[in-house]
Protein backbone atom coordinates (compact mmCIF):
# COMPACT_ATOMS: atom_id res chain seq x y z
CA UNK A 1 5.18 3.06 -0.67
CA UNK A 2 8.75 1.91 0.83
CA UNK A 3 8.79 -0.34 3.83
CA UNK A 4 11.75 -0.56 5.87
CA UNK A 5 14.16 -3.59 5.73
CA UNK A 6 12.40 -6.17 7.86
CA UNK A 7 8.89 -5.21 7.29
CA UNK A 8 6.60 -6.65 5.20
CA UNK A 9 2.68 -6.53 4.11
CA UNK A 10 0.67 -9.37 6.10
CA UNK A 11 -2.82 -8.18 4.82
CA UNK A 12 -4.12 -5.74 2.60
CA UNK A 13 -8.07 -4.81 2.00
CA UNK A 14 -9.75 -2.83 -0.90
CA UNK A 15 -6.71 -2.95 -3.13
CA UNK A 16 -4.34 -5.12 -4.79
CA UNK A 17 -0.63 -4.84 -4.10
CA UNK A 18 2.58 -5.46 -6.26
CA UNK A 19 5.09 -6.65 -3.91
CA UNK A 20 5.03 -7.35 -0.06
CA UNK A 21 8.41 -5.76 1.12
CA UNK A 22 10.60 -2.90 0.07
CA UNK A 23 8.94 -0.85 -2.80
CA UNK A 24 5.19 -1.65 -2.75
CA UNK A 25 2.72 -0.52 -5.39
CA UNK A 26 -0.93 -0.53 -4.38
CA UNK A 27 -3.69 -0.18 -6.77
CA UNK A 28 -7.58 -0.32 -6.12
CA UNK A 29 -8.92 -0.82 -9.81
CA UNK A 30 -10.33 -4.18 -9.20
CA UNK A 31 -12.62 -2.71 -6.48
CA UNK A 32 -13.61 0.71 -7.80
CA UNK A 33 -13.05 0.51 -11.45
CA UNK A 34 -11.43 4.14 -12.03
CA UNK A 35 -10.76 6.77 -9.55
CA UNK A 36 -11.48 10.05 -11.18
CA UNK A 37 -8.92 12.88 -11.00
CA UNK A 38 -8.84 14.44 -8.01
CA UNK A 39 -10.85 11.73 -6.54
CA UNK A 40 -10.38 9.89 -3.40
CA UNK A 41 -9.82 6.20 -2.48
CA UNK A 42 -9.09 4.38 0.70
CA UNK A 43 -7.29 1.22 1.45
CA UNK A 44 -5.89 -0.46 4.43
CA UNK A 45 -2.97 -2.90 5.20
CA UNK A 46 -1.40 -4.39 7.91
CA UNK A 47 2.68 -4.48 8.11
CA UNK A 48 4.58 -6.81 10.24
CA UNK A 49 8.23 -6.82 11.22
CA UNK A 50 10.85 -4.56 12.67
CA UNK A 51 11.43 -1.59 12.88
CA UNK A 52 8.09 -0.46 13.70
CA UNK A 53 8.27 2.92 11.90
CA UNK A 54 5.62 3.94 9.21
CA UNK A 55 6.21 3.31 5.63
CA UNK A 56 8.25 6.21 3.78
CA UNK A 57 7.77 7.52 0.20
CA UNK A 58 4.23 7.21 0.20
CA UNK A 59 3.04 8.62 -3.11
CA UNK A 60 -0.51 8.58 -4.62
CA UNK A 61 -0.87 9.10 -8.21
């Protein structure tokens, strides 16, 4: 996902992130090993900063 300039991740649960601002990659492998093709996973995060818009370019793969 892409956070707007001025935003950063302040907490993340059920996943591991690479980066805390700008372009951020989130993976959950440490918690549930492998997600099957067409499977689902859930993670949560809190982002702080301004602007208060939702992250853009959210892609799941």
